[in-house]
Amino acid sequence: MDELLEKIEVIRKKHEFLTFLIESEDVLHCGIVQNINKRFITFYSLDKVPSGEMTELFYSYGDKWWWESGMLLPIDCYIGRDFDVFQQSLTILPKKALSVDPIGPTYSIANQYLKRVKKRRIDLVS
């Protein structure tokens, strides 16, 4: 398990936007998390992306999303229609199937609503 964690850290230094999900010692998922909630994790799995040009495109979109968006939006919303080519790689896992918490960045739409700034109304009386 320690060797696996070391490999994950080496990969994450190069591609910080990737998240690793460990179901068991034999099953490891890698990709970009679209949304995480109490019961499920929805992510774009790198394993399901065809190799070659598509993998490079996936990495470039992930890099763009990571450095430009500030993770305020899910990657598919930030990149837009261009990211639809990766729709077949969208995977949903039950959270209880994971043996370890996700390693890497996660995104939760529910947390974005909690961070919303409350507007205040100020009236000036003369």
N, C-alpha and C. Protein backbone atom coordinates (compact mmCIF):
# COMPACT_ATOMS: atom_id res chain seq x y z
N MET A 1 0.83 -1.19 0.00
CA MET A 1 0.00 0.00 0.00
C MET A 1 0.87 1.26 0.00
N ASP A 2 1.99 1.23 0.71
CA ASP A 2 2.88 2.38 0.76
C ASP A 2 3.47 2.69 -0.62
N GLU A 3 3.79 1.64 -1.37
CA GLU A 3 4.33 1.84 -2.72
C GLU A 3 3.30 2.52 -3.61
N LEU A 4 2.05 2.10 -3.47
CA LEU A 4 0.97 2.68 -4.26
C LEU A 4 0.80 4.17 -3.93
N LEU A 5 0.84 4.51 -2.66
CA LEU A 5 0.71 5.91 -2.25
C LEU A 5 1.87 6.75 -2.77
N GLU A 6 3.07 6.18 -2.80
CA GLU A 6 4.23 6.90 -3.34
C GLU A 6 4.06 7.16 -4.83
N LYS A 7 3.57 6.17 -5.58
CA LYS A 7 3.33 6.35 -7.01
C LYS A 7 2.27 7.42 -7.26
N ILE A 8 1.23 7.42 -6.42
CA ILE A 8 0.17 8.41 -6.55
C ILE A 8 0.73 9.81 -6.34
N GLU A 9 1.58 9.99 -5.35
CA GLU A 9 2.16 11.31 -5.08
C GLU A 9 3.04 11.79 -6.23
N VAL A 10 3.78 10.87 -6.86
CA VAL A 10 4.61 11.24 -8.01
C VAL A 10 3.74 11.72 -9.17
N ILE A 11 2.65 11.01 -9.43
CA ILE A 11 1.74 11.39 -10.51
C ILE A 11 1.06 12.71 -10.19
N ARG A 12 0.66 12.90 -8.94
CA ARG A 12 -0.05 14.13 -8.56
C ARG A 12 0.85 15.36 -8.62
N LYS A 13 2.15 15.19 -8.51
CA LYS A 13 3.05 16.34 -8.66
C LYS A 13 3.02 16.86 -10.08
N LYS A 14 2.83 15.98 -11.04
CA LYS A 14 2.78 16.38 -12.44
C LYS A 14 1.39 16.84 -12.84
N HIS A 15 0.36 16.13 -12.37
CA HIS A 15 -1.03 16.45 -12.71
C HIS A 15 -1.81 16.62 -11.41
N GLU A 16 -1.82 17.83 -10.87
CA GLU A 16 -2.42 18.09 -9.56
C GLU A 16 -3.94 17.93 -9.54
N PHE A 17 -4.56 18.02 -10.69
CA PHE A 17 -6.02 17.96 -10.77
C PHE A 17 -6.57 16.55 -10.68
N LEU A 18 -5.72 15.53 -10.77
CA LEU A 18 -6.19 14.14 -10.74
C LEU A 18 -6.52 13.71 -9.31
N THR A 19 -7.57 12.91 -9.19
CA THR A 19 -7.97 12.34 -7.92
C THR A 19 -7.92 10.82 -8.04
N PHE A 20 -7.43 10.18 -7.01
CA PHE A 20 -7.32 8.72 -6.99
C PHE A 20 -8.30 8.16 -5.98
N LEU A 21 -9.06 7.15 -6.42
CA LEU A 21 -10.06 6.49 -5.60
C LEU A 21 -9.67 5.03 -5.48
N ILE A 22 -9.49 4.56 -4.25
CA ILE A 22 -9.05 3.18 -4.01
C ILE A 22 -10.23 2.39 -3.46
N GLU A 23 -10.71 1.42 -4.27
CA GLU A 23 -11.80 0.55 -3.82
C GLU A 23 -11.25 -0.59 -2.97
N SER A 24 -10.18 -1.20 -3.45
CA SER A 24 -9.49 -2.25 -2.71
C SER A 24 -8.04 -2.21 -3.17
N GLU A 25 -7.23 -3.16 -2.72
CA GLU A 25 -5.82 -3.15 -3.13
C GLU A 25 -5.67 -3.40 -4.63
N ASP A 26 -6.65 -4.09 -5.21
CA ASP A 26 -6.57 -4.42 -6.63
C ASP A 26 -7.24 -3.40 -7.54
N VAL A 27 -8.16 -2.60 -6.99
CA VAL A 27 -8.94 -1.69 -7.82
C VAL A 27 -8.61 -0.24 -7.47
N LEU A 28 -8.04 0.46 -8.46
CA LEU A 28 -7.67 1.86 -8.31
C LEU A 28 -8.28 2.64 -9.46
N HIS A 29 -8.98 3.71 -9.15
CA HIS A 29 -9.57 4.57 -10.17
C HIS A 29 -8.84 5.91 -10.14
N CYS A 30 -8.66 6.48 -11.32
CA CYS A 30 -7.99 7.76 -11.45
C CYS A 30 -8.81 8.64 -12.38
N GLY A 31 -8.99 9.91 -12.02
CA GLY A 31 -9.74 10.80 -12.90
C GLY A 31 -9.96 12.15 -12.27
N ILE A 32 -10.93 12.88 -12.79
CA ILE A 32 -11.28 14.20 -12.30
C ILE A 32 -12.69 14.14 -11.72
N VAL A 33 -12.81 14.53 -10.47
CA VAL A 33 -14.10 14.47 -9.79
C VAL A 33 -15.01 15.58 -10.29
N GLN A 34 -16.22 15.18 -10.70
CA GLN A 34 -17.22 16.15 -11.12
C GLN A 34 -18.04 16.61 -9.92
N ASN A 35 -18.42 15.65 -9.05
CA ASN A 35 -19.21 15.98 -7.88
C ASN A 35 -19.06 14.87 -6.85
N ILE A 36 -19.06 15.25 -5.59
CA ILE A 36 -19.03 14.28 -4.50
C ILE A 36 -20.10 14.69 -3.50
N ASN A 37 -20.86 13.71 -3.03
CA ASN A 37 -21.85 13.99 -2.00
C ASN A 37 -21.77 12.91 -0.93
N LYS A 38 -22.76 12.82 -0.06
CA LYS A 38 -22.70 11.88 1.04
C LYS A 38 -22.70 10.42 0.59
N ARG A 39 -23.33 10.14 -0.56
CA ARG A 39 -23.49 8.75 -0.98
C ARG A 39 -22.69 8.36 -2.21
N PHE A 40 -22.45 9.28 -3.14
CA PHE A 40 -21.83 8.92 -4.41
C PHE A 40 -20.70 9.86 -4.79
N ILE A 41 -19.81 9.33 -5.61
CA ILE A 41 -18.75 10.12 -6.23
C ILE A 41 -18.92 9.98 -7.74
N THR A 42 -19.06 11.10 -8.41
CA THR A 42 -19.17 11.12 -9.86
C THR A 42 -17.87 11.70 -10.40
N PHE A 43 -17.21 10.94 -11.29
CA PHE A 43 -15.92 11.40 -11.80
C PHE A 43 -15.71 10.95 -13.23
N TYR A 44 -14.85 11.68 -13.93
CA TYR A 44 -14.45 11.30 -15.27
C TYR A 44 -13.23 10.41 -15.14
N SER A 45 -13.40 9.13 -15.45
CA SER A 45 -12.37 8.14 -15.27
C SER A 45 -11.33 8.19 -16.39
N LEU A 46 -10.09 8.30 -16.03
CA LEU A 46 -9.00 8.31 -17.00
C LEU A 46 -8.85 6.95 -17.67
N ASP A 47 -9.27 5.89 -16.98
CA ASP A 47 -9.19 4.54 -17.54
C ASP A 47 -10.11 4.36 -18.75
N LYS A 48 -11.20 5.10 -18.79
CA LYS A 48 -12.16 4.96 -19.88
C LYS A 48 -11.92 5.93 -21.04
N VAL A 49 -10.91 6.77 -20.91
CA VAL A 49 -10.56 7.69 -21.99
C VAL A 49 -9.66 6.96 -22.97
N PRO A 50 -9.99 6.97 -24.26
CA PRO A 50 -9.12 6.31 -25.24
C PRO A 50 -7.72 6.93 -25.22
N SER A 51 -6.71 6.10 -25.37
CA SER A 51 -5.34 6.59 -25.28
C SER A 51 -4.97 7.44 -26.49
N GLY A 52 -3.84 8.08 -26.40
CA GLY A 52 -3.34 8.89 -27.50
C GLY A 52 -3.77 10.34 -27.38
N GLU A 53 -4.33 10.87 -28.46
CA GLU A 53 -4.71 12.27 -28.51
C GLU A 53 -5.78 12.61 -27.47
N MET A 54 -6.71 11.70 -27.24
CA MET A 54 -7.79 11.96 -26.29
C MET A 54 -7.25 12.10 -24.86
N THR A 55 -6.25 11.29 -24.52
CA THR A 55 -5.65 11.39 -23.19
C THR A 55 -4.95 12.73 -23.02
N GLU A 56 -4.22 13.15 -24.04
CA GLU A 56 -3.54 14.45 -23.99
C GLU A 56 -4.56 15.58 -23.88
N LEU A 57 -5.67 15.47 -24.59
CA LEU A 57 -6.72 16.48 -24.53
C LEU A 57 -7.34 16.51 -23.12
N PHE A 58 -7.53 15.34 -22.53
CA PHE A 58 -8.07 15.23 -21.18
C PHE A 58 -7.14 15.93 -20.19
N TYR A 59 -5.84 15.68 -20.32
CA TYR A 59 -4.85 16.33 -19.44
C TYR A 59 -4.84 17.85 -19.66
N SER A 60 -4.94 18.30 -20.91
CA SER A 60 -4.89 19.74 -21.16
C SER A 60 -6.13 20.44 -20.61
N TYR A 61 -7.31 19.82 -20.78
CA TYR A 61 -8.52 20.40 -20.20
C TYR A 61 -8.46 20.40 -18.67
N GLY A 62 -7.95 19.33 -18.10
CA GLY A 62 -7.82 19.26 -16.65
C GLY A 62 -6.87 20.33 -16.12
N ASP A 63 -5.77 20.53 -16.82
CA ASP A 63 -4.81 21.55 -16.43
C ASP A 63 -5.42 22.95 -16.53
N LYS A 64 -6.14 23.19 -17.61
CA LYS A 64 -6.79 24.49 -17.81
C LYS A 64 -7.81 24.74 -16.70
N TRP A 65 -8.62 23.74 -16.40
CA TRP A 65 -9.62 23.85 -15.35
C TRP A 65 -8.97 24.11 -13.99
N TRP A 66 -7.91 23.39 -13.70
CA TRP A 66 -7.25 23.48 -12.40
C TRP A 66 -6.66 24.87 -12.17
N TRP A 67 -5.98 25.40 -13.17
CA TRP A 67 -5.26 26.67 -12.98
C TRP A 67 -6.11 27.90 -13.26
N GLU A 68 -7.16 27.81 -14.05
CA GLU A 68 -7.92 28.99 -14.43
C GLU A 68 -9.24 29.16 -13.68
N SER A 69 -9.86 28.07 -13.27
CA SER A 69 -11.21 28.18 -12.71
C SER A 69 -11.25 28.41 -11.21
N GLY A 70 -10.22 28.02 -10.51
CA GLY A 70 -10.26 28.09 -9.05
C GLY A 70 -11.23 27.09 -8.46
N MET A 71 -11.61 26.10 -9.26
CA MET A 71 -12.53 25.04 -8.86
C MET A 71 -13.88 25.59 -8.37
N LEU A 72 -14.34 26.67 -8.99
CA LEU A 72 -15.64 27.21 -8.65
C LEU A 72 -16.76 26.52 -9.39
N LEU A 73 -16.43 25.84 -10.49
CA LEU A 73 -17.39 25.10 -11.29
C LEU A 73 -16.86 23.70 -11.56
N PRO A 74 -17.75 22.73 -11.79
CA PRO A 74 -17.26 21.41 -12.23
C PRO A 74 -16.58 21.55 -13.58
N ILE A 75 -15.69 20.63 -13.88
CA ILE A 75 -14.90 20.73 -15.11
C ILE A 75 -15.76 20.76 -16.36
N ASP A 76 -16.84 19.97 -16.39
CA ASP A 76 -17.67 19.95 -17.60
C ASP A 76 -18.40 21.27 -17.81
N CYS A 77 -18.75 21.96 -16.75
CA CYS A 77 -19.39 23.28 -16.89
C CYS A 77 -18.36 24.34 -17.29
N TYR A 78 -17.15 24.24 -16.76
CA TYR A 78 -16.13 25.24 -17.06
C TYR A 78 -15.63 25.13 -18.50
N ILE A 79 -15.34 23.92 -18.94
CA ILE A 79 -14.82 23.72 -20.30
C ILE A 79 -15.94 23.89 -21.32
N GLY A 80 -17.13 23.44 -20.99
CA GLY A 80 -18.26 23.59 -21.89
C GLY A 80 -18.46 22.40 -22.81
N ARG A 81 -19.02 22.66 -23.97
CA ARG A 81 -19.37 21.59 -24.93
C ARG A 81 -18.15 20.81 -25.41
N ASP A 82 -16.99 21.42 -25.40
CA ASP A 82 -15.77 20.71 -25.84
C ASP A 82 -15.49 19.48 -24.97
N PHE A 83 -15.96 19.51 -23.73
CA PHE A 83 -15.69 18.40 -22.82
C PHE A 83 -16.67 17.24 -23.00
N ASP A 84 -17.69 17.42 -23.85
CA ASP A 84 -18.69 16.37 -24.09
C ASP A 84 -18.09 15.10 -24.69
N VAL A 85 -16.92 15.19 -25.31
CA VAL A 85 -16.29 14.00 -25.89
C VAL A 85 -15.90 12.99 -24.81
N PHE A 86 -15.85 13.43 -23.56
CA PHE A 86 -15.48 12.54 -22.45
C PHE A 86 -16.69 12.04 -21.68
N GLN A 87 -17.87 12.25 -22.20
CA GLN A 87 -19.09 11.85 -21.51
C GLN A 87 -19.13 10.34 -21.24
N GLN A 88 -18.57 9.53 -22.16
CA GLN A 88 -18.58 8.09 -21.97
C GLN A 88 -17.67 7.65 -20.82
N SER A 89 -16.80 8.53 -20.35
CA SER A 89 -15.90 8.17 -19.25
C SER A 89 -16.47 8.56 -17.89
N LEU A 90 -17.65 9.17 -17.86
CA LEU A 90 -18.28 9.55 -16.60
C LEU A 90 -18.68 8.30 -15.83
N THR A 91 -18.22 8.22 -14.59
CA THR A 91 -18.42 7.03 -13.76
C THR A 91 -18.99 7.45 -12.40
N ILE A 92 -19.88 6.63 -11.87
CA ILE A 92 -20.45 6.88 -10.55
C ILE A 92 -20.10 5.71 -9.64
N LEU A 93 -19.52 6.02 -8.48
CA LEU A 93 -19.18 5.00 -7.49
C LEU A 93 -19.89 5.30 -6.19
N PRO A 94 -20.37 4.28 -5.49
CA PRO A 94 -20.89 4.53 -4.14
C PRO A 94 -19.72 4.85 -3.22
N LYS A 95 -19.89 5.82 -2.37
CA LYS A 95 -18.80 6.27 -1.50
C LYS A 95 -18.38 5.19 -0.50
N LYS A 96 -19.32 4.35 -0.10
CA LYS A 96 -19.00 3.31 0.88
C LYS A 96 -18.16 2.18 0.27
N ALA A 97 -18.04 2.14 -1.07
CA ALA A 97 -17.21 1.12 -1.71
C ALA A 97 -15.72 1.43 -1.61
N LEU A 98 -15.39 2.66 -1.25
CA LEU A 98 -13.99 3.06 -1.16
C LEU A 98 -13.39 2.62 0.16
N SER A 99 -12.17 2.10 0.10
CA SER A 99 -11.49 1.68 1.32
C SER A 99 -10.73 2.84 1.96
N VAL A 100 -10.41 3.86 1.17
CA VAL A 100 -9.68 5.04 1.64
C VAL A 100 -10.38 6.27 1.10
N ASP A 101 -10.30 7.38 1.82
CA ASP A 101 -10.86 8.64 1.31
C ASP A 101 -10.17 9.00 0.00
N PRO A 102 -10.85 9.75 -0.87
CA PRO A 102 -10.23 10.14 -2.14
C PRO A 102 -8.92 10.89 -1.92
N ILE A 103 -7.94 10.56 -2.76
CA ILE A 103 -6.63 11.20 -2.68
C ILE A 103 -6.56 12.21 -3.81
N GLY A 104 -6.60 13.47 -3.48
CA GLY A 104 -6.58 14.52 -4.47
C GLY A 104 -7.77 15.44 -4.31
N PRO A 105 -7.91 16.39 -5.23
CA PRO A 105 -8.99 17.37 -5.10
C PRO A 105 -10.36 16.76 -5.38
N THR A 106 -11.34 17.20 -4.62
CA THR A 106 -12.72 16.80 -4.85
C THR A 106 -13.57 18.06 -4.97
N TYR A 107 -14.68 17.94 -5.64
CA TYR A 107 -15.57 19.08 -5.86
C TYR A 107 -16.96 18.70 -5.43
N SER A 108 -17.60 19.56 -4.67
CA SER A 108 -18.96 19.31 -4.22
C SER A 108 -19.83 20.52 -4.55
N ILE A 109 -20.88 20.29 -5.31
CA ILE A 109 -21.79 21.37 -5.65
C ILE A 109 -22.49 21.89 -4.39
N ALA A 110 -22.80 21.00 -3.46
CA ALA A 110 -23.48 21.41 -2.24
C ALA A 110 -22.63 22.39 -1.43
N ASN A 111 -21.32 22.20 -1.39
CA ASN A 111 -20.46 23.11 -0.65
C ASN A 111 -20.41 24.49 -1.28
N GLN A 112 -20.59 24.58 -2.59
CA GLN A 112 -20.57 25.88 -3.25
C GLN A 112 -21.74 26.74 -2.79
N TYR A 113 -22.88 26.13 -2.52
CA TYR A 113 -24.02 26.89 -2.03
C TYR A 113 -23.78 27.38 -0.61
N LEU A 114 -23.05 26.61 0.18
CA LEU A 114 -22.76 27.02 1.55
C LEU A 114 -21.80 28.20 1.59
N LYS A 115 -20.93 28.31 0.58
CA LYS A 115 -19.94 29.37 0.55
C LYS A 115 -20.47 30.68 -0.01
N ARG A 116 -21.71 30.68 -0.44
CA ARG A 116 -22.29 31.87 -1.06
C ARG A 116 -22.28 33.04 -0.08
N VAL A 117 -21.91 34.19 -0.54
CA VAL A 117 -21.84 35.38 0.29
C VAL A 117 -23.24 35.96 0.45
N LYS A 118 -23.58 36.29 1.65
CA LYS A 118 -24.89 36.89 1.91
C LYS A 118 -24.83 38.37 1.56
N LYS A 119 -25.86 38.84 0.87
CA LYS A 119 -25.94 40.25 0.50
C LYS A 119 -26.54 41.04 1.67
N ARG A 120 -26.00 42.20 1.87
CA ARG A 120 -26.52 43.06 2.93
C ARG A 120 -27.08 44.33 2.31
N ARG A 121 -28.10 44.81 2.92
CA ARG A 121 -28.72 46.03 2.43
C ARG A 121 -28.39 47.16 3.41
N ILE A 122 -27.88 48.23 2.87
CA ILE A 122 -27.53 49.38 3.70
C ILE A 122 -28.34 50.57 3.22
N ASP A 123 -29.06 51.18 4.12
CA ASP A 123 -29.84 52.37 3.80
C ASP A 123 -29.19 53.56 4.47
N LEU A 124 -29.01 54.60 3.70
CA LEU A 124 -28.46 55.83 4.24
C LEU A 124 -29.62 56.78 4.57
N VAL A 125 -29.63 57.22 5.78
CA VAL A 125 -30.68 58.12 6.24
C VAL A 125 -30.09 59.52 6.32
N SER A 126 -30.77 60.48 5.70
CA SER A 126 -30.25 61.85 5.76
C SER A 126 -31.09 62.74 6.62
